[in-house]
Amino acid sequence: MNKKPPIVICMGSSCFARGNNKNLRIIEEYFEKRGLPAEIEITGSCCEKNCSDGPNVVINGKTYSKVDTGVIMDLLKQYFP
């Protein structure tokens, strides 16, 4: 089985308030519907040091900024079809 890319969600207060709280729920629901939760490494970081461009999400080592609910769905479909 191919290893799935890890996801790091910024849990800093700015990113969390700007939408990563919703993004986390969307990610969890996306994987649950596809039966993938055990295969995916999802971790939180205290801060990605890019607060002004948050919410920030890192997938497979690449940082994505200003990730709203539409962007997170596009990223999930791209990395986890």
PDB file of N, CA and C in Angstrom:
ATOM      1  N   MET A   1       0.842  -1.173   0.000  1.00  0.00           N
ATOM      2  CA  MET A   1       0.000   0.000   0.000  1.00  0.00           C
ATOM      3  C   MET A   1       0.887   1.235   0.000  1.00  0.00           C
ATOM      4  N   ASN A   2       0.508   2.246  -0.784  1.00  0.00           N
ATOM      5  CA  ASN A   2       1.258   3.494  -0.825  1.00  0.00           C
ATOM      6  C   ASN A   2       1.031   4.286   0.449  1.00  0.00           C
ATOM      7  N   LYS A   3       2.116   4.851   0.968  1.00  0.00           N
ATOM      8  CA  LYS A   3       1.995   5.692   2.159  1.00  0.00           C
ATOM      9  C   LYS A   3       1.357   7.012   1.759  1.00  0.00           C
ATOM     10  N   LYS A   4       0.359   7.413   2.516  1.00  0.00           N
ATOM     11  CA  LYS A   4      -0.340   8.665   2.248  1.00  0.00           C
ATOM     12  C   LYS A   4       0.453   9.824   2.836  1.00  0.00           C
ATOM     13  N   PRO A   5       0.416  10.992   2.195  1.00  0.00           N
ATOM     14  CA  PRO A   5       1.167  12.140   2.718  1.00  0.00           C
ATOM     15  C   PRO A   5       0.596  12.617   4.054  1.00  0.00           C
ATOM     16  N   PRO A   6       1.472  13.022   4.974  1.00  0.00           N
ATOM     17  CA  PRO A   6       1.001  13.517   6.271  1.00  0.00           C
ATOM     18  C   PRO A   6       0.383  14.908   6.149  1.00  0.00           C
ATOM     19  N   ILE A   7      -0.500  15.207   7.098  1.00  0.00           N
ATOM     20  CA  ILE A   7      -1.149  16.515   7.176  1.00  0.00           C
ATOM     21  C   ILE A   7      -0.812  17.130   8.523  1.00  0.00           C
ATOM     22  N   VAL A   8      -0.386  18.389   8.505  1.00  0.00           N
ATOM     23  CA  VAL A   8      -0.148  19.142   9.739  1.00  0.00           C
ATOM     24  C   VAL A   8      -1.079  20.352   9.710  1.00  0.00           C
ATOM     25  N   ILE A   9      -1.882  20.473  10.744  1.00  0.00           N
ATOM     26  CA  ILE A   9      -2.837  21.574  10.848  1.00  0.00           C
ATOM     27  C   ILE A   9      -2.340  22.545  11.906  1.00  0.00           C
ATOM     28  N   CYS A  10      -2.210  23.812  11.525  1.00  0.00           N
ATOM     29  CA  CYS A  10      -1.805  24.817  12.498  1.00  0.00           C
ATOM     30  C   CYS A  10      -2.938  25.007  13.500  1.00  0.00           C
ATOM     31  N   MET A  11      -2.621  24.814  14.771  1.00  0.00           N
ATOM     32  CA  MET A  11      -3.610  24.935  15.836  1.00  0.00           C
ATOM     33  C   MET A  11      -3.411  26.219  16.636  1.00  0.00           C
ATOM     34  N   GLY A  12      -2.559  27.110  16.136  1.00  0.00           N
ATOM     35  CA  GLY A  12      -2.371  28.396  16.797  1.00  0.00           C
ATOM     36  C   GLY A  12      -3.700  29.143  16.859  1.00  0.00           C
ATOM     37  N   SER A  13      -3.830  30.029  17.814  1.00  0.00           N
ATOM     38  CA  SER A  13      -5.121  30.691  18.030  1.00  0.00           C
ATOM     39  C   SER A  13      -5.609  31.448  16.797  1.00  0.00           C
ATOM     40  N   SER A  14      -4.716  32.076  16.058  1.00  0.00           N
ATOM     41  CA  SER A  14      -5.123  32.832  14.873  1.00  0.00           C
ATOM     42  C   SER A  14      -5.659  31.900  13.788  1.00  0.00           C
ATOM     43  N   CYS A  15      -4.905  30.867  13.455  1.00  0.00           N
ATOM     44  CA  CYS A  15      -5.336  29.931  12.406  1.00  0.00           C
ATOM     45  C   CYS A  15      -6.594  29.172  12.819  1.00  0.00           C
ATOM     46  N   PHE A  16      -6.647  28.782  14.081  1.00  0.00           N
ATOM     47  CA  PHE A  16      -7.804  28.026  14.543  1.00  0.00           C
ATOM     48  C   PHE A  16      -9.060  28.887  14.464  1.00  0.00           C
ATOM     49  N   ALA A  17      -8.957  30.142  14.884  1.00  0.00           N
ATOM     50  CA  ALA A  17     -10.109  31.045  14.837  1.00  0.00           C
ATOM     51  C   ALA A  17     -10.490  31.415  13.407  1.00  0.00           C
ATOM     52  N   ARG A  18      -9.518  31.438  12.509  1.00  0.00           N
ATOM     53  CA  ARG A  18      -9.778  31.818  11.113  1.00  0.00           C
ATOM     54  C   ARG A  18     -10.339  30.672  10.285  1.00  0.00           C
ATOM     55  N   GLY A  19     -10.385  29.473  10.842  1.00  0.00           N
ATOM     56  CA  GLY A  19     -11.021  28.404  10.076  1.00  0.00           C
ATOM     57  C   GLY A  19     -10.439  27.022  10.211  1.00  0.00           C
ATOM     58  N   ASN A  20      -9.286  26.862  10.844  1.00  0.00           N
ATOM     59  CA  ASN A  20      -8.747  25.514  10.953  1.00  0.00           C
ATOM     60  C   ASN A  20      -9.582  24.625  11.873  1.00  0.00           C
ATOM     61  N   ASN A  21     -10.403  25.219  12.732  1.00  0.00           N
ATOM     62  CA  ASN A  21     -11.334  24.404  13.503  1.00  0.00           C
ATOM     63  C   ASN A  21     -12.322  23.720  12.561  1.00  0.00           C
ATOM     64  N   LYS A  22     -12.823  24.438  11.563  1.00  0.00           N
ATOM     65  CA  LYS A  22     -13.722  23.855  10.564  1.00  0.00           C
ATOM     66  C   LYS A  22     -12.962  22.910   9.636  1.00  0.00           C
ATOM     67  N   ASN A  23     -11.752  23.312   9.243  1.00  0.00           N
ATOM     68  CA  ASN A  23     -10.955  22.471   8.349  1.00  0.00           C
ATOM     69  C   ASN A  23     -10.665  21.115   8.970  1.00  0.00           C
ATOM     70  N   LEU A  24     -10.381  21.087  10.261  1.00  0.00           N
ATOM     71  CA  LEU A  24     -10.115  19.822  10.943  1.00  0.00           C
ATOM     72  C   LEU A  24     -11.333  18.911  10.859  1.00  0.00           C
ATOM     73  N   ARG A  25     -12.512  19.440  11.098  1.00  0.00           N
ATOM     74  CA  ARG A  25     -13.735  18.626  11.002  1.00  0.00           C
ATOM     75  C   ARG A  25     -13.946  18.122   9.580  1.00  0.00           C
ATOM     76  N   ILE A  26     -13.697  18.975   8.594  1.00  0.00           N
ATOM     77  CA  ILE A  26     -13.865  18.574   7.197  1.00  0.00           C
ATOM     78  C   ILE A  26     -12.900  17.446   6.851  1.00  0.00           C
ATOM     79  N   ILE A  27     -11.650  17.560   7.282  1.00  0.00           N
ATOM     80  CA  ILE A  27     -10.648  16.521   7.020  1.00  0.00           C
ATOM     81  C   ILE A  27     -11.084  15.203   7.642  1.00  0.00           C
ATOM     82  N   GLU A  28     -11.483  15.238   8.903  1.00  0.00           N
ATOM     83  CA  GLU A  28     -11.905  14.013   9.593  1.00  0.00           C
ATOM     84  C   GLU A  28     -13.101  13.368   8.896  1.00  0.00           C
ATOM     85  N   GLU A  29     -14.094  14.165   8.522  1.00  0.00           N
ATOM     86  CA  GLU A  29     -15.274  13.635   7.836  1.00  0.00           C
ATOM     87  C   GLU A  29     -14.918  13.068   6.467  1.00  0.00           C
ATOM     88  N   TYR A  30     -14.030  13.736   5.746  1.00  0.00           N
ATOM     89  CA  TYR A  30     -13.604  13.283   4.421  1.00  0.00           C
ATOM     90  C   TYR A  30     -12.992  11.885   4.514  1.00  0.00           C
ATOM     91  N   PHE A  31     -12.100  11.689   5.486  1.00  0.00           N
ATOM     92  CA  PHE A  31     -11.443  10.394   5.623  1.00  0.00           C
ATOM     93  C   PHE A  31     -12.381   9.325   6.158  1.00  0.00           C
ATOM     94  N   GLU A  32     -13.264   9.683   7.071  1.00  0.00           N
ATOM     95  CA  GLU A  32     -14.217   8.714   7.605  1.00  0.00           C
ATOM     96  C   GLU A  32     -15.122   8.180   6.502  1.00  0.00           C
ATOM     97  N   LYS A  33     -15.595   9.047   5.624  1.00  0.00           N
ATOM     98  CA  LYS A  33     -16.476   8.635   4.528  1.00  0.00           C
ATOM     99  C   LYS A  33     -15.766   7.703   3.558  1.00  0.00           C
ATOM    100  N   ARG A  34     -14.450   7.807   3.481  1.00  0.00           N
ATOM    101  CA  ARG A  34     -13.672   6.986   2.552  1.00  0.00           C
ATOM    102  C   ARG A  34     -12.978   5.815   3.240  1.00  0.00           C
ATOM    103  N   GLY A  35     -13.183   5.678   4.537  1.00  0.00           N
ATOM    104  CA  GLY A  35     -12.566   4.579   5.274  1.00  0.00           C
ATOM    105  C   GLY A  35     -11.060   4.689   5.372  1.00  0.00           C
ATOM    106  N   LEU A  36     -10.520   5.905   5.420  1.00  0.00           N
ATOM    107  CA  LEU A  36      -9.077   6.114   5.414  1.00  0.00           C
ATOM    108  C   LEU A  36      -8.453   6.522   6.746  1.00  0.00           C
ATOM    109  N   PRO A  37      -9.187   6.785   7.820  1.00  0.00           N
ATOM    110  CA  PRO A  37      -8.570   7.395   9.006  1.00  0.00           C
ATOM    111  C   PRO A  37      -7.310   6.703   9.510  1.00  0.00           C
ATOM    112  N   ALA A  38      -7.267   5.400   9.492  1.00  0.00           N
ATOM    113  CA  ALA A  38      -6.109   4.688  10.029  1.00  0.00           C
ATOM    114  C   ALA A  38      -4.869   4.868   9.157  1.00  0.00           C
ATOM    115  N   GLU A  39      -5.065   5.212   7.905  1.00  0.00           N
ATOM    116  CA  GLU A  39      -3.942   5.334   6.975  1.00  0.00           C
ATOM    117  C   GLU A  39      -3.323   6.729   6.949  1.00  0.00           C
ATOM    118  N   ILE A  40      -3.985   7.708   7.505  1.00  0.00           N
ATOM    119  CA  ILE A  40      -3.570   9.094   7.367  1.00  0.00           C
ATOM    120  C   ILE A  40      -2.983   9.615   8.672  1.00  0.00           C
ATOM    121  N   GLU A  41      -1.814  10.229   8.576  1.00  0.00           N
ATOM    122  CA  GLU A  41      -1.186  10.858   9.740  1.00  0.00           C
ATOM    123  C   GLU A  41      -1.597  12.328   9.777  1.00  0.00           C
ATOM    124  N   ILE A  42      -2.398  12.685  10.780  1.00  0.00           N
ATOM    125  CA  ILE A  42      -2.835  14.068  10.966  1.00  0.00           C
ATOM    126  C   ILE A  42      -2.294  14.540  12.307  1.00  0.00           C
ATOM    127  N   THR A  43      -1.521  15.621  12.270  1.00  0.00           N
ATOM    128  CA  THR A  43      -0.991  16.178  13.509  1.00  0.00           C
ATOM    129  C   THR A  43      -1.279  17.672  13.558  1.00  0.00           C
ATOM    130  N   GLY A  44      -1.172  18.223  14.742  1.00  0.00           N
ATOM    131  CA  GLY A  44      -1.337  19.655  14.920  1.00  0.00           C
ATOM    132  C   GLY A  44      -0.006  20.285  15.269  1.00  0.00           C
ATOM    133  N   SER A  45       0.162  21.521  14.867  1.00  0.00           N
ATOM    134  CA  SER A  45       1.355  22.262  15.267  1.00  0.00           C
ATOM    135  C   SER A  45       0.901  23.466  16.085  1.00  0.00           C
ATOM    136  N   CYS A  46       1.750  23.907  16.984  1.00  0.00           N
ATOM    137  CA  CYS A  46       1.399  25.072  17.810  1.00  0.00           C
ATOM    138  C   CYS A  46       1.303  26.331  16.970  1.00  0.00           C
ATOM    139  N   CYS A  47       2.187  26.466  15.986  1.00  0.00           N
ATOM    140  CA  CYS A  47       2.156  27.639  15.115  1.00  0.00           C
ATOM    141  C   CYS A  47       3.058  27.374  13.917  1.00  0.00           C
ATOM    142  N   GLU A  48       2.605  27.762  12.745  1.00  0.00           N
ATOM    143  CA  GLU A  48       3.404  27.634  11.522  1.00  0.00           C
ATOM    144  C   GLU A  48       4.145  28.931  11.192  1.00  0.00           C
ATOM    145  N   LYS A  49       4.073  29.927  12.081  1.00  0.00           N
ATOM    146  CA  LYS A  49       4.798  31.200  11.954  1.00  0.00           C
ATOM    147  C   LYS A  49       4.394  31.988  10.710  1.00  0.00           C
ATOM    148  N   ASN A  50       3.137  31.863  10.320  1.00  0.00           N
ATOM    149  CA  ASN A  50       2.622  32.584   9.163  1.00  0.00           C
ATOM    150  C   ASN A  50       1.195  33.047   9.471  1.00  0.00           C
ATOM    151  N   CYS A  51       1.021  33.603  10.654  1.00  0.00           N
ATOM    152  CA  CYS A  51      -0.312  33.934  11.183  1.00  0.00           C
ATOM    153  C   CYS A  51      -1.113  34.862  10.277  1.00  0.00           C
ATOM    154  N   SER A  52      -0.457  35.835   9.671  1.00  0.00           N
ATOM    155  CA  SER A  52      -1.190  36.814   8.865  1.00  0.00           C
ATOM    156  C   SER A  52      -1.808  36.203   7.614  1.00  0.00           C
ATOM    157  N   ASP A  53      -1.317  35.042   7.192  1.00  0.00           N
ATOM    158  CA  ASP A  53      -1.853  34.374   6.010  1.00  0.00           C
ATOM    159  C   ASP A  53      -2.657  33.128   6.357  1.00  0.00           C
ATOM    160  N   GLY A  54      -2.992  32.945   7.619  1.00  0.00           N
ATOM    161  CA  GLY A  54      -3.719  31.762   8.046  1.00  0.00           C
ATOM    162  C   GLY A  54      -5.160  31.762   7.570  1.00  0.00           C
ATOM    163  N   PRO A  55      -5.799  30.623   7.691  1.00  0.00           N
ATOM    164  CA  PRO A  55      -5.327  29.403   8.318  1.00  0.00           C
ATOM    165  C   PRO A  55      -4.333  28.654   7.426  1.00  0.00           C
ATOM    166  N   ASN A  56      -3.344  28.036   8.078  1.00  0.00           N
ATOM    167  CA  ASN A  56      -2.277  27.319   7.388  1.00  0.00           C
ATOM    168  C   ASN A  56      -2.406  25.817   7.609  1.00  0.00           C
ATOM    169  N   VAL A  57      -2.169  25.076   6.533  1.00  0.00           N
ATOM    170  CA  VAL A  57      -2.180  23.619   6.566  1.00  0.00           C
ATOM    171  C   VAL A  57      -0.962  23.154   5.779  1.00  0.00           C
ATOM    172  N   VAL A  58      -0.276  22.142   6.292  1.00  0.00           N
ATOM    173  CA  VAL A  58       0.886  21.575   5.606  1.00  0.00           C
ATOM    174  C   VAL A  58       0.527  20.158   5.178  1.00  0.00           C
ATOM    175  N   ILE A  59       0.673  19.876   3.886  1.00  0.00           N
ATOM    176  CA  ILE A  59       0.428  18.530   3.374  1.00  0.00           C
ATOM    177  C   ILE A  59       1.671  18.078   2.636  1.00  0.00           C
ATOM    178  N   ASN A  60       2.206  16.955   3.067  1.00  0.00           N
ATOM    179  CA  ASN A  60       3.395  16.372   2.451  1.00  0.00           C
ATOM    180  C   ASN A  60       4.554  17.367   2.417  1.00  0.00           C
ATOM    181  N   GLY A  61       4.672  18.179   3.470  1.00  0.00           N
ATOM    182  CA  GLY A  61       5.776  19.120   3.590  1.00  0.00           C
ATOM    183  C   GLY A  61       5.563  20.457   2.906  1.00  0.00           C
ATOM    184  N   LYS A  62       4.467  20.622   2.182  1.00  0.00           N
ATOM    185  CA  LYS A  62       4.187  21.881   1.484  1.00  0.00           C
ATOM    186  C   LYS A  62       3.150  22.671   2.278  1.00  0.00           C
ATOM    187  N   THR A  63       3.470  23.946   2.557  1.00  0.00           N
ATOM    188  CA  THR A  63       2.570  24.799   3.326  1.00  0.00           C
ATOM    189  C   THR A  63       1.565  25.483   2.407  1.00  0.00           C
ATOM    190  N   TYR A  64       0.315  25.407   2.796  1.00  0.00           N
ATOM    191  CA  TYR A  64      -0.771  26.091   2.099  1.00  0.00           C
ATOM    192  C   TYR A  64      -1.344  27.124   3.054  1.00  0.00           C
ATOM    193  N   SER A  65      -1.534  28.342   2.570  1.00  0.00           N
ATOM    194  CA  SER A  65      -2.034  29.443   3.388  1.00  0.00           C
ATOM    195  C   SER A  65      -3.404  29.885   2.900  1.00  0.00           C
ATOM    196  N   LYS A  66      -4.099  30.597   3.789  1.00  0.00           N
ATOM    197  CA  LYS A  66      -5.455  31.079   3.504  1.00  0.00           C
ATOM    198  C   LYS A  66      -6.358  29.930   3.078  1.00  0.00           C
ATOM    199  N   VAL A  67      -6.269  28.831   3.805  1.00  0.00           N
ATOM    200  CA  VAL A  67      -7.011  27.616   3.478  1.00  0.00           C
ATOM    201  C   VAL A  67      -8.417  27.709   4.071  1.00  0.00           C
ATOM    202  N   ASP A  68      -9.378  28.032   3.205  1.00  0.00           N
ATOM    203  CA  ASP A  68     -10.767  28.032   3.654  1.00  0.00           C
ATOM    204  C   ASP A  68     -11.379  26.663   3.353  1.00  0.00           C
ATOM    205  N   THR A  69     -12.674  26.517   3.609  1.00  0.00           N
ATOM    206  CA  THR A  69     -13.295  25.202   3.453  1.00  0.00           C
ATOM    207  C   THR A  69     -13.275  24.716   2.005  1.00  0.00           C
ATOM    208  N   GLY A  70     -13.369  25.618   1.047  1.00  0.00           N
ATOM    209  CA  GLY A  70     -13.287  25.215  -0.353  1.00  0.00           C
ATOM    210  C   GLY A  70     -11.898  24.749  -0.735  1.00  0.00           C
ATOM    211  N   VAL A  71     -10.895  25.464  -0.261  1.00  0.00           N
ATOM    212  CA  VAL A  71      -9.506  25.104  -0.561  1.00  0.00           C
ATOM    213  C   VAL A  71      -9.158  23.758   0.069  1.00  0.00           C
ATOM    214  N   ILE A  72      -9.585  23.523   1.318  1.00  0.00           N
ATOM    215  CA  ILE A  72      -9.233  22.252   1.960  1.00  0.00           C
ATOM    216  C   ILE A  72      -9.855  21.084   1.198  1.00  0.00           C
ATOM    217  N   MET A  73     -11.071  21.248   0.694  1.00  0.00           N
ATOM    218  CA  MET A  73     -11.683  20.169  -0.091  1.00  0.00           C
ATOM    219  C   MET A  73     -10.896  19.920  -1.371  1.00  0.00           C
ATOM    220  N   ASP A  74     -10.460  20.976  -2.046  1.00  0.00           N
ATOM    221  CA  ASP A  74      -9.653  20.813  -3.258  1.00  0.00           C
ATOM    222  C   ASP A  74      -8.348  20.087  -2.951  1.00  0.00           C
ATOM    223  N   LEU A  75      -7.704  20.446  -1.843  1.00  0.00           N
ATOM    224  CA  LEU A  75      -6.448  19.793  -1.460  1.00  0.00           C
ATOM    225  C   LEU A  75      -6.672  18.324  -1.128  1.00  0.00           C
ATOM    226  N   LEU A  76      -7.744  18.028  -0.408  1.00  0.00           N
ATOM    227  CA  LEU A  76      -8.036  16.635  -0.067  1.00  0.00           C
ATOM    228  C   LEU A  76      -8.281  15.810  -1.322  1.00  0.00           C
ATOM    229  N   LYS A  77      -9.013  16.355  -2.265  1.00  0.00           N
ATOM    230  CA  LYS A  77      -9.275  15.634  -3.516  1.00  0.00           C
ATOM    231  C   LYS A  77      -7.998  15.445  -4.322  1.00  0.00           C
ATOM    232  N   GLN A  78      -7.092  16.415  -4.243  1.00  0.00           N
ATOM    233  CA  GLN A  78      -5.822  16.320  -4.968  1.00  0.00           C
ATOM    234  C   GLN A  78      -4.910  15.260  -4.355  1.00  0.00           C
ATOM    235  N   TYR A  79      -4.742  15.288  -3.038  1.00  0.00           N
ATOM    236  CA  TYR A  79      -3.800  14.393  -2.371  1.00  0.00           C
ATOM    237  C   TYR A  79      -4.391  13.039  -1.994  1.00  0.00           C
ATOM    238  N   PHE A  80      -5.704  12.985  -1.798  1.00  0.00           N
ATOM    239  CA  PHE A  80      -6.352  11.760  -1.329  1.00  0.00           C
ATOM    240  C   PHE A  80      -7.602  11.473  -2.163  1.00  0.00           C
ATOM    241  N   PRO A  81      -7.409  11.220  -3.461  1.00  0.00           N
ATOM    242  CA  PRO A  81      -8.568  11.024  -4.358  1.00  0.00           C
ATOM    243  C   PRO A  81      -9.373   9.770  -4.016  1.00  0.00           C
TER     244      PRO A  81
END
